[in-house]
PDB file of all heavy atoms in Angstrom:
ATOM      1  N   GLY A   1       4.462   3.329  -9.249  1.00  0.00           N
ATOM      2  CA  GLY A   1       5.035   3.857 -10.480  1.00  0.00           C
ATOM      3  C   GLY A   1       6.376   4.486 -10.230  1.00  0.00           C
ATOM      4  O   GLY A   1       6.987   4.320  -9.169  1.00  0.00           O
ATOM      5  N   LEU A   2       6.838   5.213 -11.235  1.00  0.00           N
ATOM      6  CA  LEU A   2       8.121   5.913 -11.186  1.00  0.00           C
ATOM      7  C   LEU A   2       7.857   7.395 -10.965  1.00  0.00           C
ATOM      8  O   LEU A   2       7.047   8.003 -11.685  1.00  0.00           O
ATOM      9  CB  LEU A   2       8.873   5.697 -12.502  1.00  0.00           C
ATOM     10  CG  LEU A   2      10.162   6.487 -12.699  1.00  0.00           C
ATOM     11  CD1 LEU A   2      11.211   6.086 -11.661  1.00  0.00           C
ATOM     12  CD2 LEU A   2      10.691   6.265 -14.115  1.00  0.00           C
ATOM     13  N   VAL A   3       8.543   7.970  -9.992  1.00  0.00           N
ATOM     14  CA  VAL A   3       8.345   9.377  -9.681  1.00  0.00           C
ATOM     15  C   VAL A   3       9.690   9.982  -9.291  1.00  0.00           C
ATOM     16  O   VAL A   3      10.578   9.281  -8.793  1.00  0.00           O
ATOM     17  CB  VAL A   3       7.310   9.531  -8.541  1.00  0.00           C
ATOM     18  CG1 VAL A   3       7.805   8.910  -7.255  1.00  0.00           C
ATOM     19  CG2 VAL A   3       6.915  10.974  -8.342  1.00  0.00           C
ATOM     20  N   GLN A   4       9.845  11.251  -9.528  1.00  0.00           N
ATOM     21  CA  GLN A   4      11.069  11.943  -9.143  1.00  0.00           C
ATOM     22  C   GLN A   4      11.043  12.261  -7.646  1.00  0.00           C
ATOM     23  O   GLN A   4       9.963  12.390  -7.035  1.00  0.00           O
ATOM     24  CB  GLN A   4      11.234  13.229  -9.937  1.00  0.00           C
ATOM     25  CG  GLN A   4      11.592  12.999 -11.398  1.00  0.00           C
ATOM     26  CD  GLN A   4      11.938  14.295 -12.104  1.00  0.00           C
ATOM     27  OE1 GLN A   4      11.468  15.364 -11.744  1.00  0.00           O
ATOM     28  NE2 GLN A   4      12.781  14.202 -13.135  1.00  0.00           N
ATOM     29  N   ALA A   5      12.219  12.403  -7.086  1.00  0.00           N
ATOM     30  CA  ALA A   5      12.320  12.786  -5.678  1.00  0.00           C
ATOM     31  C   ALA A   5      11.534  14.067  -5.427  1.00  0.00           C
ATOM     32  O   ALA A   5      11.566  15.004  -6.231  1.00  0.00           O
ATOM     33  CB  ALA A   5      13.785  12.982  -5.294  1.00  0.00           C
ATOM     34  N   GLY A   6      10.798  14.072  -4.322  1.00  0.00           N
ATOM     35  CA  GLY A   6       9.935  15.198  -4.004  1.00  0.00           C
ATOM     36  C   GLY A   6       8.517  15.047  -4.510  1.00  0.00           C
ATOM     37  O   GLY A   6       7.636  15.836  -4.137  1.00  0.00           O
ATOM     38  N   GLY A   7       8.301  14.048  -5.338  1.00  0.00           N
ATOM     39  CA  GLY A   7       6.981  13.840  -5.921  1.00  0.00           C
ATOM     40  C   GLY A   7       6.031  13.103  -5.006  1.00  0.00           C
ATOM     41  O   GLY A   7       6.350  12.796  -3.846  1.00  0.00           O
ATOM     42  N   SER A   8       4.849  12.805  -5.550  1.00  0.00           N
ATOM     43  CA  SER A   8       3.783  12.175  -4.768  1.00  0.00           C
ATOM     44  C   SER A   8       3.183  11.004  -5.516  1.00  0.00           C
ATOM     45  O   SER A   8       3.197  10.970  -6.756  1.00  0.00           O
ATOM     46  CB  SER A   8       2.671  13.199  -4.500  1.00  0.00           C
ATOM     47  OG  SER A   8       3.161  14.331  -3.841  1.00  0.00           O
ATOM     48  N   LEU A   9       2.672  10.063  -4.757  1.00  0.00           N
ATOM     49  CA  LEU A   9       1.901   8.952  -5.300  1.00  0.00           C
ATOM     50  C   LEU A   9       0.832   8.584  -4.282  1.00  0.00           C
ATOM     51  O   LEU A   9       1.013   8.798  -3.081  1.00  0.00           O
ATOM     52  CB  LEU A   9       2.780   7.721  -5.529  1.00  0.00           C
ATOM     53  CG  LEU A   9       3.703   7.678  -6.742  1.00  0.00           C
ATOM     54  CD1 LEU A   9       4.575   6.431  -6.685  1.00  0.00           C
ATOM     55  CD2 LEU A   9       2.912   7.707  -8.041  1.00  0.00           C
ATOM     56  N   ARG A  10      -0.267   8.009  -4.770  1.00  0.00           N
ATOM     57  CA  ARG A  10      -1.276   7.454  -3.879  1.00  0.00           C
ATOM     58  C   ARG A  10      -1.500   6.001  -4.234  1.00  0.00           C
ATOM     59  O   ARG A  10      -1.881   5.689  -5.372  1.00  0.00           O
ATOM     60  CB  ARG A  10      -2.599   8.215  -3.957  1.00  0.00           C
ATOM     61  CG  ARG A  10      -3.582   7.761  -2.864  1.00  0.00           C
ATOM     62  CD  ARG A  10      -4.864   8.533  -2.831  1.00  0.00           C
ATOM     63  NE  ARG A  10      -5.832   8.065  -3.810  1.00  0.00           N
ATOM     64  CZ  ARG A  10      -7.145   8.206  -3.682  1.00  0.00           C
ATOM     65  NH1 ARG A  10      -7.645   8.793  -2.598  1.00  0.00           N
ATOM     66  NH2 ARG A  10      -7.957   7.778  -4.644  1.00  0.00           N
ATOM     67  N   LEU A  11      -1.275   5.145  -3.275  1.00  0.00           N
ATOM     68  CA  LEU A  11      -1.519   3.722  -3.452  1.00  0.00           C
ATOM     69  C   LEU A  11      -2.916   3.375  -2.955  1.00  0.00           C
ATOM     70  O   LEU A  11      -3.392   3.954  -1.986  1.00  0.00           O
ATOM     71  CB  LEU A  11      -0.492   2.896  -2.682  1.00  0.00           C
ATOM     72  CG  LEU A  11       0.982   3.200  -2.951  1.00  0.00           C
ATOM     73  CD1 LEU A  11       1.861   2.244  -2.154  1.00  0.00           C
ATOM     74  CD2 LEU A  11       1.299   3.135  -4.429  1.00  0.00           C
ATOM     75  N   SER A  12      -3.538   2.424  -3.626  1.00  0.00           N
ATOM     76  CA  SER A  12      -4.855   1.932  -3.224  1.00  0.00           C
ATOM     77  C   SER A  12      -4.805   0.419  -3.069  1.00  0.00           C
ATOM     78  O   SER A  12      -4.027  -0.252  -3.756  1.00  0.00           O
ATOM     79  CB  SER A  12      -5.906   2.299  -4.279  1.00  0.00           C
ATOM     80  OG  SER A  12      -6.011   3.681  -4.460  1.00  0.00           O
ATOM     81  N   CYS A  13      -5.656  -0.089  -2.200  1.00  0.00           N
ATOM     82  CA  CYS A  13      -5.745  -1.532  -2.000  1.00  0.00           C
ATOM     83  C   CYS A  13      -7.205  -1.882  -1.769  1.00  0.00           C
ATOM     84  O   CYS A  13      -7.806  -1.428  -0.795  1.00  0.00           O
ATOM     85  CB  CYS A  13      -4.903  -1.956  -0.811  1.00  0.00           C
ATOM     86  SG  CYS A  13      -5.108  -3.687  -0.317  1.00  0.00           S
ATOM     87  N   VAL A  14      -7.761  -2.657  -2.682  1.00  0.00           N
ATOM     88  CA  VAL A  14      -9.150  -3.085  -2.590  1.00  0.00           C
ATOM     89  C   VAL A  14      -9.205  -4.491  -2.014  1.00  0.00           C
ATOM     90  O   VAL A  14      -8.491  -5.383  -2.478  1.00  0.00           O
ATOM     91  CB  VAL A  14      -9.831  -3.036  -3.962  1.00  0.00           C
ATOM     92  CG1 VAL A  14     -11.284  -3.488  -3.843  1.00  0.00           C
ATOM     93  CG2 VAL A  14      -9.762  -1.635  -4.554  1.00  0.00           C
ATOM     94  N   VAL A  15     -10.068  -4.674  -1.035  1.00  0.00           N
ATOM     95  CA  VAL A  15     -10.180  -5.953  -0.326  1.00  0.00           C
ATOM     96  C   VAL A  15     -11.501  -6.619  -0.664  1.00  0.00           C
ATOM     97  O   VAL A  15     -12.540  -5.960  -0.745  1.00  0.00           O
ATOM     98  CB  VAL A  15     -10.077  -5.732   1.193  1.00  0.00           C
ATOM     99  CG1 VAL A  15     -10.242  -7.058   1.948  1.00  0.00           C
ATOM    100  CG2 VAL A  15      -8.751  -5.080   1.552  1.00  0.00           C
ATOM    101  N   SER A  16     -11.467  -7.919  -0.841  1.00  0.00           N
ATOM    102  CA  SER A  16     -12.691  -8.692  -1.050  1.00  0.00           C
ATOM    103  C   SER A  16     -12.597  -9.994  -0.274  1.00  0.00           C
ATOM    104  O   SER A  16     -11.521 -10.409   0.141  1.00  0.00           O
ATOM    105  CB  SER A  16     -12.905  -8.983  -2.537  1.00  0.00           C
ATOM    106  OG  SER A  16     -11.831  -9.744  -3.057  1.00  0.00           O
ATOM    107  N   GLY A  17     -13.766 -10.606  -0.052  1.00  0.00           N
ATOM    108  CA  GLY A  17     -13.784 -11.921   0.583  1.00  0.00           C
ATOM    109  C   GLY A  17     -13.830 -11.918   2.083  1.00  0.00           C
ATOM    110  O   GLY A  17     -13.741 -12.988   2.706  1.00  0.00           O
ATOM    111  N   THR A  18     -13.978 -10.746   2.704  1.00  0.00           N
ATOM    112  CA  THR A  18     -14.056 -10.681   4.148  1.00  0.00           C
ATOM    113  C   THR A  18     -14.772  -9.395   4.551  1.00  0.00           C
ATOM    114  O   THR A  18     -15.018  -8.523   3.724  1.00  0.00           O
ATOM    115  CB  THR A  18     -12.664 -10.739   4.785  1.00  0.00           C
ATOM    116  OG1 THR A  18     -12.802 -10.875   6.208  1.00  0.00           O
ATOM    117  CG2 THR A  18     -11.862  -9.477   4.500  1.00  0.00           C
ATOM    118  N   ILE A  19     -15.084  -9.305   5.841  1.00  0.00           N
ATOM    119  CA  ILE A  19     -15.719  -8.081   6.347  1.00  0.00           C
ATOM    120  C   ILE A  19     -14.611  -7.071   6.587  1.00  0.00           C
ATOM    121  O   ILE A  19     -13.876  -7.154   7.575  1.00  0.00           O
ATOM    122  CB  ILE A  19     -16.495  -8.361   7.636  1.00  0.00           C
ATOM    123  CG1 ILE A  19     -17.560  -9.453   7.377  1.00  0.00           C
ATOM    124  CG2 ILE A  19     -17.159  -7.083   8.130  1.00  0.00           C
ATOM    125  CD1 ILE A  19     -18.289  -9.907   8.625  1.00  0.00           C
ATOM    126  N   PHE A  20     -14.499  -6.112   5.695  1.00  0.00           N
ATOM    127  CA  PHE A  20     -13.379  -5.173   5.701  1.00  0.00           C
ATOM    128  C   PHE A  20     -13.367  -4.291   6.947  1.00  0.00           C
ATOM    129  O   PHE A  20     -12.323  -4.085   7.569  1.00  0.00           O
ATOM    130  CB  PHE A  20     -13.458  -4.307   4.443  1.00  0.00           C
ATOM    131  CG  PHE A  20     -12.420  -3.221   4.364  1.00  0.00           C
ATOM    132  CD1 PHE A  20     -11.117  -3.519   3.999  1.00  0.00           C
ATOM    133  CD2 PHE A  20     -12.757  -1.902   4.639  1.00  0.00           C
ATOM    134  CE1 PHE A  20     -10.157  -2.520   3.912  1.00  0.00           C
ATOM    135  CE2 PHE A  20     -11.811  -0.896   4.560  1.00  0.00           C
ATOM    136  CZ  PHE A  20     -10.499  -1.203   4.190  1.00  0.00           C
ATOM    137  N   SER A  21     -14.526  -3.775   7.340  1.00  0.00           N
ATOM    138  CA  SER A  21     -14.583  -2.702   8.327  1.00  0.00           C
ATOM    139  C   SER A  21     -14.072  -3.101   9.709  1.00  0.00           C
ATOM    140  O   SER A  21     -13.670  -2.242  10.490  1.00  0.00           O
ATOM    141  CB  SER A  21     -16.021  -2.180   8.448  1.00  0.00           C
ATOM    142  OG  SER A  21     -16.883  -3.222   8.852  1.00  0.00           O
ATOM    143  N   VAL A  22     -14.084  -4.384  10.036  1.00  0.00           N
ATOM    144  CA  VAL A  22     -13.703  -4.784  11.396  1.00  0.00           C
ATOM    145  C   VAL A  22     -12.217  -5.065  11.529  1.00  0.00           C
ATOM    146  O   VAL A  22     -11.723  -5.298  12.631  1.00  0.00           O
ATOM    147  CB  VAL A  22     -14.491  -6.035  11.848  1.00  0.00           C
ATOM    148  CG1 VAL A  22     -15.988  -5.765  11.800  1.00  0.00           C
ATOM    149  CG2 VAL A  22     -14.139  -7.255  11.005  1.00  0.00           C
ATOM    150  N   ASN A  23     -11.519  -5.053  10.416  1.00  0.00           N
ATOM    151  CA  ASN A  23     -10.105  -5.433  10.444  1.00  0.00           C
ATOM    152  C   ASN A  23      -9.181  -4.234  10.354  1.00  0.00           C
ATOM    153  O   ASN A  23      -9.455  -3.277   9.635  1.00  0.00           O
ATOM    154  CB  ASN A  23      -9.793  -6.363   9.267  1.00  0.00           C
ATOM    155  CG  ASN A  23     -10.416  -7.732   9.453  1.00  0.00           C
ATOM    156  OD1 ASN A  23     -10.037  -8.490  10.330  1.00  0.00           O
ATOM    157  ND2 ASN A  23     -11.388  -8.047   8.620  1.00  0.00           N
ATOM    158  N   ALA A  24      -8.067  -4.321  11.063  1.00  0.00           N
ATOM    159  CA  ALA A  24      -7.004  -3.349  10.862  1.00  0.00           C
ATOM    160  C   ALA A  24      -6.340  -3.640   9.524  1.00  0.00           C
ATOM    161  O   ALA A  24      -6.346  -4.773   9.041  1.00  0.00           O
ATOM    162  CB  ALA A  24      -5.981  -3.442  11.991  1.00  0.00           C
ATOM    163  N   MET A  25      -5.779  -2.595   8.938  1.00  0.00           N
ATOM    164  CA  MET A  25      -5.092  -2.705   7.657  1.00  0.00           C
ATOM    165  C   MET A  25      -3.707  -2.079   7.778  1.00  0.00           C
ATOM    166  O   MET A  25      -3.482  -1.192   8.604  1.00  0.00           O
ATOM    167  CB  MET A  25      -5.873  -1.984   6.560  1.00  0.00           C
ATOM    168  CG  MET A  25      -7.255  -2.536   6.295  1.00  0.00           C
ATOM    169  SD  MET A  25      -7.230  -4.208   5.615  1.00  0.00           S
ATOM    170  CE  MET A  25      -6.278  -3.968   4.112  1.00  0.00           C
ATOM    171  N   GLY A  26      -2.810  -2.539   6.925  1.00  0.00           N
ATOM    172  CA  GLY A  26      -1.473  -1.977   6.965  1.00  0.00           C
ATOM    173  C   GLY A  26      -0.833  -1.905   5.594  1.00  0.00           C
ATOM    174  O   GLY A  26      -1.273  -2.582   4.657  1.00  0.00           O
ATOM    175  N   TRP A  27       0.157  -1.060   5.503  1.00  0.00           N
ATOM    176  CA  TRP A  27       1.039  -1.007   4.334  1.00  0.00           C
ATOM    177  C   TRP A  27       2.445  -1.355   4.793  1.00  0.00           C
ATOM    178  O   TRP A  27       2.924  -0.837   5.817  1.00  0.00           O
ATOM    179  CB  TRP A  27       1.036   0.375   3.688  1.00  0.00           C
ATOM    180  CG  TRP A  27      -0.194   0.685   2.905  1.00  0.00           C
ATOM    181  CD1 TRP A  27      -1.278   1.390   3.329  1.00  0.00           C
ATOM    182  CD2 TRP A  27      -0.468   0.298   1.562  1.00  0.00           C
ATOM    183  NE1 TRP A  27      -2.224   1.462   2.329  1.00  0.00           N
ATOM    184  CE2 TRP A  27      -1.737   0.793   1.228  1.00  0.00           C
ATOM    185  CE3 TRP A  27       0.242  -0.423   0.588  1.00  0.00           C
ATOM    186  CZ2 TRP A  27      -2.322   0.606  -0.021  1.00  0.00           C
ATOM    187  CZ3 TRP A  27      -0.333  -0.618  -0.656  1.00  0.00           C
ATOM    188  CH2 TRP A  27      -1.600  -0.115  -0.950  1.00  0.00           C
ATOM    189  N   TYR A  28       3.086  -2.237   4.056  1.00  0.00           N
ATOM    190  CA  TYR A  28       4.461  -2.643   4.302  1.00  0.00           C
ATOM    191  C   TYR A  28       5.246  -2.398   3.021  1.00  0.00           C
ATOM    192  O   TYR A  28       4.661  -2.220   1.952  1.00  0.00           O
ATOM    193  CB  TYR A  28       4.531  -4.136   4.654  1.00  0.00           C
ATOM    194  CG  TYR A  28       3.904  -4.503   5.977  1.00  0.00           C
ATOM    195  CD1 TYR A  28       2.524  -4.500   6.135  1.00  0.00           C
ATOM    196  CD2 TYR A  28       4.686  -4.882   7.066  1.00  0.00           C
ATOM    197  CE1 TYR A  28       1.944  -4.843   7.346  1.00  0.00           C
ATOM    198  CE2 TYR A  28       4.118  -5.235   8.278  1.00  0.00           C
ATOM    199  CZ  TYR A  28       2.744  -5.205   8.404  1.00  0.00           C
ATOM    200  OH  TYR A  28       2.169  -5.557   9.608  1.00  0.00           O
ATOM    201  N   ARG A  29       6.568  -2.425   3.127  1.00  0.00           N
ATOM    202  CA  ARG A  29       7.389  -2.293   1.928  1.00  0.00           C
ATOM    203  C   ARG A  29       8.638  -3.157   2.056  1.00  0.00           C
ATOM    204  O   ARG A  29       9.094  -3.433   3.160  1.00  0.00           O
ATOM    205  CB  ARG A  29       7.766  -0.843   1.649  1.00  0.00           C
ATOM    206  CG  ARG A  29       8.696  -0.209   2.683  1.00  0.00           C
ATOM    207  CD  ARG A  29       8.872   1.270   2.385  1.00  0.00           C
ATOM    208  NE  ARG A  29       9.780   1.905   3.333  1.00  0.00           N
ATOM    209  CZ  ARG A  29       9.997   3.224   3.374  1.00  0.00           C
ATOM    210  NH1 ARG A  29       9.383   4.032   2.523  1.00  0.00           N
ATOM    211  NH2 ARG A  29      10.845   3.714   4.270  1.00  0.00           N
ATOM    212  N   GLN A  30       9.157  -3.535   0.900  1.00  0.00           N
ATOM    213  CA  GLN A  30      10.377  -4.330   0.870  1.00  0.00           C
ATOM    214  C   GLN A  30      11.273  -3.830  -0.245  1.00  0.00           C
ATOM    215  O   GLN A  30      10.897  -3.902  -1.419  1.00  0.00           O
ATOM    216  CB  GLN A  30      10.061  -5.814   0.675  1.00  0.00           C
ATOM    217  CG  GLN A  30      11.269  -6.717   0.811  1.00  0.00           C
ATOM    218  CD  GLN A  30      10.891  -8.180   0.946  1.00  0.00           C
ATOM    219  OE1 GLN A  30       9.773  -8.586   0.618  1.00  0.00           O
ATOM    220  NE2 GLN A  30      11.806  -8.988   1.452  1.00  0.00           N
ATOM    221  N   ALA A  31      12.419  -3.324   0.151  1.00  0.00           N
ATOM    222  CA  ALA A  31      13.417  -2.864  -0.809  1.00  0.00           C
ATOM    223  C   ALA A  31      14.328  -4.035  -1.167  1.00  0.00           C
ATOM    224  O   ALA A  31      14.453  -4.993  -0.402  1.00  0.00           O
ATOM    225  CB  ALA A  31      14.218  -1.724  -0.219  1.00  0.00           C
ATOM    226  N   PRO A  32      15.001  -3.959  -2.322  1.00  0.00           N
ATOM    227  CA  PRO A  32      15.896  -5.057  -2.735  1.00  0.00           C
ATOM    228  C   PRO A  32      16.949  -5.349  -1.672  1.00  0.00           C
ATOM    229  O   PRO A  32      17.610  -4.437  -1.174  1.00  0.00           O
ATOM    230  CB  PRO A  32      16.526  -4.514  -4.015  1.00  0.00           C
ATOM    231  CG  PRO A  32      15.535  -3.551  -4.547  1.00  0.00           C
ATOM    232  CD  PRO A  32      14.901  -2.912  -3.344  1.00  0.00           C
ATOM    233  N   GLY A  33      17.069  -6.618  -1.316  1.00  0.00           N
ATOM    234  CA  GLY A  33      18.081  -7.028  -0.350  1.00  0.00           C
ATOM    235  C   GLY A  33      17.746  -6.716   1.093  1.00  0.00           C
ATOM    236  O   GLY A  33      18.586  -6.946   1.977  1.00  0.00           O
ATOM    237  N   LYS A  34      16.541  -6.211   1.342  1.00  0.00           N
ATOM    238  CA  LYS A  34      16.160  -5.860   2.711  1.00  0.00           C
ATOM    239  C   LYS A  34      14.912  -6.623   3.131  1.00  0.00           C
ATOM    240  O   LYS A  34      14.163  -7.143   2.308  1.00  0.00           O
ATOM    241  CB  LYS A  34      15.914  -4.351   2.822  1.00  0.00           C
ATOM    242  CG  LYS A  34      17.147  -3.510   2.602  1.00  0.00           C
ATOM    243  CD  LYS A  34      16.873  -2.051   2.908  1.00  0.00           C
ATOM    244  CE  LYS A  34      18.122  -1.205   2.756  1.00  0.00           C
ATOM    245  NZ  LYS A  34      17.874   0.221   3.086  1.00  0.00           N
TER     246      LYS A  34
END
């Protein structure tokens, strides 16, 4: 979402179709032009 500088957000990611507990997980990001 949209938040002001200094603010907070919590992202969630729900996984299906595999055994979740045995896998490593990650968060990545991509800014425009990067």
